[in-house]
Amino acid sequence: MRLDKFLKVSRLIKRRTVAKELADQGRVMINGRAAKAGAEVQIGDELAIRFGQRHLKVKVMDIQEAAKKEEAHSLYEVLSEEPINH
């Protein structure tokens, strides 16, 4: 599944266009490598996302074309979440 679609379906990012922008800005990494919006995400991959004031690392646990709000959190496992110190 495309990275931008996974981020939206898992509700890590609310809109696919925002997910695409973050990826294109180099703020999303898959297994330690900067990833573009069209990069393929697979089960077991580790994603690192740099939001405005925080860093989030998650592990992909499942991939679904669509997920209800209640199911979205089961698609990933949070490995770490830390504030970014400026």
Protein backbone atom coordinates (compact mmCIF):
# COMPACT_ATOMS: atom_id res chain seq x y z
CA MET A 1 0.00 0.00 0.00
CA ARG A 2 1.18 3.53 -0.71
CA LEU A 3 2.64 5.40 2.25
CA ASP A 4 0.24 8.35 2.00
CA LYS A 5 -2.78 6.02 1.88
CA PHE A 6 -1.57 3.98 4.86
CA LEU A 7 -1.08 7.13 6.95
CA LYS A 8 -4.65 8.20 6.14
CA VAL A 9 -6.32 4.78 6.59
CA SER A 10 -4.52 4.26 9.92
CA ARG A 11 -5.53 7.80 10.93
CA LEU A 12 -1.97 8.70 11.86
CA ILE A 13 -2.61 11.68 9.56
CA LYS A 14 -6.15 12.82 8.90
CA ARG A 15 -5.90 13.68 5.19
CA ARG A 16 -4.00 12.00 2.37
CA THR A 17 -2.92 15.35 0.91
CA VAL A 18 -1.29 16.26 4.24
CA ALA A 19 0.41 12.84 4.35
CA LYS A 20 1.73 13.43 0.83
CA GLU A 21 3.08 16.87 1.76
CA LEU A 22 4.88 15.52 4.85
CA ALA A 23 6.46 12.71 2.83
CA ASP A 24 7.52 15.05 0.03
CA GLN A 25 9.15 17.34 2.63
CA GLY A 26 11.27 14.40 3.85
CA ARG A 27 9.49 14.22 7.22
CA VAL A 28 8.46 10.55 6.91
CA MET A 29 10.90 7.66 6.96
CA ILE A 30 10.42 3.95 6.33
CA ASN A 31 12.99 1.72 8.05
CA GLY A 32 15.37 4.65 8.46
CA ARG A 33 15.15 5.93 4.87
CA ALA A 34 13.35 9.07 3.71
CA ALA A 35 10.25 7.98 1.81
CA LYS A 36 8.08 9.62 -0.82
CA ALA A 37 4.27 9.45 -0.72
CA GLY A 38 4.19 6.63 -3.29
CA ALA A 39 6.61 4.36 -1.40
CA GLU A 40 5.25 0.92 -0.57
CA VAL A 41 4.48 0.15 3.08
CA GLN A 42 4.57 -3.48 4.23
CA ILE A 43 3.75 -5.28 7.47
CA GLY A 44 6.73 -5.07 9.79
CA ASP A 45 8.02 -1.73 8.45
CA GLU A 46 8.94 0.97 10.96
CA LEU A 47 7.73 4.46 10.16
CA ALA A 48 9.18 7.61 11.70
CA ILE A 49 7.05 10.72 11.30
CA ARG A 50 8.16 14.22 12.24
CA PHE A 51 5.13 16.35 13.06
CA GLY A 52 5.35 19.99 14.13
CA GLN A 53 6.57 19.50 17.69
CA ARG A 54 6.94 15.74 18.04
CA HIS A 55 8.57 12.65 16.62
CA LEU A 56 6.47 9.49 16.30
CA LYS A 57 7.78 5.99 15.56
CA VAL A 58 5.34 3.21 14.74
CA LYS A 59 5.54 -0.37 13.48
CA VAL A 60 3.11 -1.46 10.76
CA MET A 61 1.07 -4.37 12.15
CA ASP A 62 -1.59 -4.75 9.45
CA ILE A 63 -2.60 -3.24 6.11
CA GLN A 64 -6.22 -2.71 5.09
CA GLU A 65 -7.75 -0.78 2.22
CA ALA A 66 -10.18 0.83 4.63
CA ALA A 67 -10.54 0.81 8.39
CA LYS A 68 -13.23 2.05 10.72
CA LYS A 69 -12.20 4.61 13.31
CA GLU A 70 -12.27 1.96 16.07
CA GLU A 71 -10.03 -0.39 14.04
CA ALA A 72 -7.48 2.16 12.79
CA HIS A 73 -5.20 1.94 15.84
CA SER A 74 -4.79 -1.83 15.31
CA LEU A 75 -2.94 -1.19 12.03
CA TYR A 76 0.15 0.04 13.88
CA GLU A 77 1.96 -0.17 17.20
CA VAL A 78 3.51 2.97 18.69
CA LEU A 79 7.20 2.36 19.40
CA SER A 80 8.05 5.83 20.69
CA GLU A 81 6.69 9.34 20.82
CA GLU A 82 8.88 12.22 21.89
CA PRO A 83 8.73 16.00 21.76
CA ILE A 84 11.21 17.77 19.52
CA ASN A 85 13.45 20.11 21.49
CA HIS A 86 14.43 23.25 19.62
